[in-house]
Protein backbone atom coordinates (compact mmCIF):
# COMPACT_ATOMS: atom_id res chain seq x y z
CA MET A 1 84.46 135.35 136.37
CA ALA A 2 86.61 132.87 138.26
CA THR A 3 85.74 131.96 141.84
CA GLY A 4 87.31 129.95 144.63
CA ILE A 5 84.36 127.57 144.81
CA SER A 6 85.04 124.03 143.69
CA SER A 7 83.49 122.89 140.42
CA SER A 8 81.63 120.14 142.26
CA ALA A 9 80.08 122.55 144.72
CA ARG A 10 79.27 125.12 142.07
CA ILE A 11 77.47 122.81 139.68
CA ARG A 12 75.38 121.46 142.54
CA ALA A 13 74.64 125.04 143.52
CA PHE A 14 72.59 125.32 140.33
CA HIS A 15 69.90 123.47 142.29
CA SER A 16 69.44 126.38 144.73
CA SER A 17 67.28 129.38 143.84
CA THR A 18 69.90 131.89 145.00
CA ALA A 19 72.60 130.44 142.78
CA ARG A 20 70.31 130.26 139.76
CA ILE A 21 69.38 133.94 140.07
CA GLY A 22 73.01 134.93 140.64
CA ILE A 23 74.17 133.15 137.51
CA LEU A 24 72.00 135.40 135.37
CA LEU A 25 73.77 138.47 136.70
CA LEU A 26 77.34 137.39 135.92
CA LEU A 27 79.36 138.18 132.79
CA ALA A 28 79.94 135.48 130.18
CA VAL A 29 83.46 134.03 130.20
CA GLY A 30 84.47 132.03 127.14
CA ILE A 31 81.50 129.64 126.99
CA PRO A 32 81.87 127.03 124.23
CA SER A 33 79.88 128.12 121.21
CA ALA A 34 78.03 126.40 118.41
CA GLN A 35 80.89 127.47 116.13
CA GLN A 36 83.35 125.49 118.29
CA ALA A 37 81.04 122.50 118.07
CA ARG A 38 81.02 122.79 114.27
CA GLN A 39 84.82 122.98 114.16
CA ALA A 40 85.16 119.88 116.33
CA LYS A 41 82.61 117.88 114.38
CA SER A 42 84.69 117.60 111.23
CA LYS A 43 87.75 116.28 113.09
CA ALA A 44 86.29 113.51 115.24
CA LYS A 45 88.10 110.18 115.20
CA ASP A 46 86.09 107.03 114.65
CA ALA A 47 88.29 104.99 116.98
CA PRO A 48 86.40 104.08 120.19
CA LEU A 49 87.45 105.70 123.45
CA THR A 50 89.74 103.46 125.48
CA ALA A 51 88.86 102.08 128.91
CA GLU A 52 91.46 104.44 130.37
CA GLN A 53 89.94 107.50 128.71
CA LEU A 54 86.47 106.52 129.89
CA ALA A 55 87.78 106.03 133.43
CA VAL A 56 89.18 109.58 133.43
CA TYR A 57 85.93 111.04 132.08
CA GLN A 58 83.98 109.08 134.71
CA VAL A 59 85.95 110.78 137.50
CA VAL A 60 85.41 114.23 135.99
CA LEU A 61 81.68 113.74 135.59
CA HIS A 62 81.25 112.22 139.05
CA ASP A 63 83.24 114.93 140.84
CA TRP A 64 81.68 117.78 138.92
CA ILE A 65 78.04 117.19 137.96
CA ASP A 66 76.69 113.84 139.13
CA ASP A 67 74.08 114.19 141.86
CA GLY A 68 72.37 110.99 140.75
CA LYS A 69 69.13 112.82 140.03
CA ALA A 70 69.41 115.60 137.47
CA PRO A 71 69.63 114.49 133.82
CA VAL A 72 72.80 115.43 131.97
CA ASN A 73 72.98 116.24 128.25
CA LEU A 74 76.52 115.23 127.32
CA ALA A 75 77.88 116.36 123.97
CA MET A 76 78.57 113.11 122.15
CA GLN A 77 81.79 114.59 120.83
CA THR A 78 84.76 115.91 122.75
CA VAL A 79 86.45 119.16 121.80
CA PRO A 80 90.16 119.22 120.91
CA PHE A 81 92.64 119.80 123.73
CA ALA A 82 93.07 123.57 123.89
CA SER A 83 95.68 126.00 125.19
CA THR A 84 93.44 129.08 124.91
CA GLY A 85 89.83 130.00 125.54
CA ALA A 86 87.29 128.33 127.83
CA PHE A 87 88.90 124.92 127.51
CA ASP A 88 92.45 126.09 128.23
CA ALA A 89 94.08 123.39 130.37
CA THR A 90 97.68 124.58 130.01
CA ALA A 91 98.13 125.22 133.74
CA CYS A 92 97.22 121.63 134.56
CA GLY A 93 100.07 120.25 132.49
CA LYS A 94 102.89 122.26 134.05
CA GLY A 95 105.67 120.04 135.31
CA LEU A 96 104.37 116.94 133.53
CA ASP A 97 106.14 115.12 130.71
CA LEU A 98 103.09 115.07 128.48
CA GLU A 99 102.53 112.99 125.39
CA PRO A 100 102.74 114.98 122.13
CA LEU A 101 99.65 117.04 121.41
CA ALA A 102 97.49 115.96 118.48
CA PRO A 103 96.01 119.29 117.30
CA GLY A 104 92.35 119.31 116.33
CA VAL A 105 91.64 115.71 117.37
CA SER A 106 88.38 114.77 119.10
CA HIS A 107 86.45 111.57 119.84
CA ARG A 108 82.82 110.51 119.90
CA PHE A 109 81.07 108.99 122.88
CA ARG A 110 78.97 105.94 122.01
CA THR A 111 75.92 104.48 123.67
CA LEU A 112 78.05 101.54 124.79
CA ASP A 113 80.27 104.00 126.69
CA LEU A 114 77.50 105.24 128.98
CA PRO A 115 77.70 102.43 131.59
CA HIS A 116 81.41 103.22 131.97
CA LEU A 117 80.76 106.88 132.77
CA GLY A 118 79.33 106.06 136.17
CA THR A 119 75.90 107.67 136.07
CA ALA A 120 72.54 106.60 134.72
CA THR A 121 71.39 110.19 134.16
CA ILE A 122 73.53 110.92 131.07
CA ALA A 123 71.99 111.30 127.63
CA LEU A 124 74.22 111.76 124.60
CA ALA A 125 73.46 114.91 122.63
CA ASP A 126 74.45 116.05 119.16
CA PRO A 127 76.56 119.19 119.81
CA LEU A 128 75.06 121.29 117.03
CA ARG A 129 71.47 120.34 117.73
CA GLN A 130 71.85 120.74 121.48
CA ALA A 131 73.61 124.10 121.09
CA LYS A 132 70.54 125.36 119.23
CA ASP A 133 68.31 123.96 121.99
CA VAL A 134 70.44 125.71 124.60
CA ASP A 135 70.11 129.03 122.78
CA ALA A 136 66.36 128.57 122.32
CA ASN A 137 65.94 127.97 126.06
CA ASP A 138 68.39 130.62 127.26
CA PRO A 139 67.07 131.84 130.65
CA GLU A 140 67.64 135.46 129.66
CA LYS A 141 65.40 135.05 126.61
CA SER A 142 62.77 133.20 128.63
CA ILE A 143 62.66 135.98 131.25
CA VAL A 144 62.21 138.60 128.52
CA LYS A 145 59.24 136.55 127.30
CA GLY A 146 57.68 136.72 130.76
CA MET A 147 58.82 133.50 132.45
CA GLN A 148 59.63 133.70 136.16
CA ILE A 149 63.35 133.74 136.94
CA GLU A 150 63.28 130.47 138.88
CA ASP A 151 61.38 128.69 136.12
CA ALA A 152 63.53 130.22 133.38
CA VAL A 153 66.79 129.03 134.93
CA GLU A 154 65.34 125.62 135.78
CA ASN A 155 64.27 125.23 132.15
CA GLY A 156 67.62 126.49 130.86
CA TYR A 157 69.49 124.09 133.10
CA ALA A 158 67.39 121.14 131.88
CA HIS A 159 68.33 121.97 128.28
CA GLY A 160 72.00 122.71 129.05
CA MET A 161 74.91 120.79 127.58
CA VAL A 162 78.05 119.38 129.15
CA THR A 163 81.14 119.28 126.92
CA LEU A 164 84.40 117.46 127.68
CA SER A 165 87.77 118.08 126.10
CA GLU A 166 90.23 115.54 124.80
CA ILE A 167 92.44 114.05 127.49
CA ARG A 168 96.19 114.59 127.47
CA PHE A 169 98.17 111.97 129.37
CA ASP A 170 101.73 112.15 130.58
CA LYS A 171 104.10 109.68 128.94
CA ALA A 172 103.92 107.28 131.89
CA HIS A 173 100.10 107.47 131.96
CA ARG A 174 100.15 108.29 135.66
CA HIS A 175 98.64 111.75 135.15
CA ALA A 176 95.92 113.13 132.88
CA VAL A 177 94.76 116.64 132.04
CA VAL A 178 91.23 117.42 130.90
CA SER A 179 88.86 120.39 130.76
CA TYR A 180 85.08 120.55 130.87
CA GLY A 181 82.24 123.02 130.48
CA PHE A 182 78.50 123.34 131.02
CA ARG A 183 76.47 125.81 128.96
CA CYS A 184 72.84 126.66 129.59
CA GLY A 185 72.68 130.11 128.00
CA ALA A 186 74.71 133.21 127.16
CA LEU A 187 74.97 134.12 130.86
CA CYS A 188 74.53 130.63 132.25
CA GLY A 189 77.35 128.13 132.56
CA ASN A 190 80.53 127.01 134.31
CA GLY A 191 83.53 124.78 133.85
CA GLY A 192 87.21 124.31 134.46
CA ALA A 193 90.27 122.13 133.98
CA ALA A 194 91.66 119.41 136.20
CA GLN A 195 94.70 117.21 136.62
CA LEU A 196 94.04 113.59 137.55
CA GLU A 197 96.45 111.04 138.97
CA LYS A 198 96.37 107.25 138.87
CA VAL A 199 96.77 105.89 142.41
CA ASP A 200 96.97 102.11 142.87
CA GLY A 201 95.43 101.69 139.43
CA VAL A 202 92.52 104.04 140.11
CA TRP A 203 92.14 107.52 138.58
CA LYS A 204 91.49 110.31 141.08
CA ARG A 205 91.30 114.08 140.75
CA LYS A 206 94.56 115.58 142.00
CA SER A 207 93.97 119.29 141.48
CA LEU A 208 91.67 121.84 139.94
CA CYS A 209 93.87 124.10 137.83
CA SER A 210 91.32 126.62 136.57
CA ASP A 211 87.61 127.30 136.74
CA TRP A 212 85.12 129.76 135.39
CA VAL A 213 81.47 130.66 135.85
CA SER A 214 79.24 132.90 133.78
């Protein structure tokens, strides 16, 4: 269910009781699955992420999830750039002369990349293992087992996983398109796609092209 709330505001809203309870009542919208993680795993490139790619990811993480306090489980592998599903970033690339798409390609984050992502709260997570942890700590399941709603969502959020897509640059490398998602259960998550622009050598978010919450 798309909303007009910015991704930055919505992810921070997870920290309020009202938002946590509301999330459990919304319909799921294309949340990345363990199957998607399996598909991406076999296609990851061993080449390290470039300084430019890390700079783009740093902006996305800072604008969207970084409150400097809450730990973040970041999938150590990106998902391929997509034109359908939860990670569809097609709208962000309209009007740009984009570099050719490399279908199915993904990269791995390395421990050495963490200082370049701009937050000390990130922990790299294996996508398959963390997806199982997310499912095991799904707030809906925890509530069925008798856990209080507030505690169930807090626990689900702590075990949630952030996933980033591959970045697609324009040919001049003045613009970049990337999508992102956070999953903390079948009915718990949000994400979107953004276009970034390099201004005076610094990457900044230019527009939010799509967003979803479940």
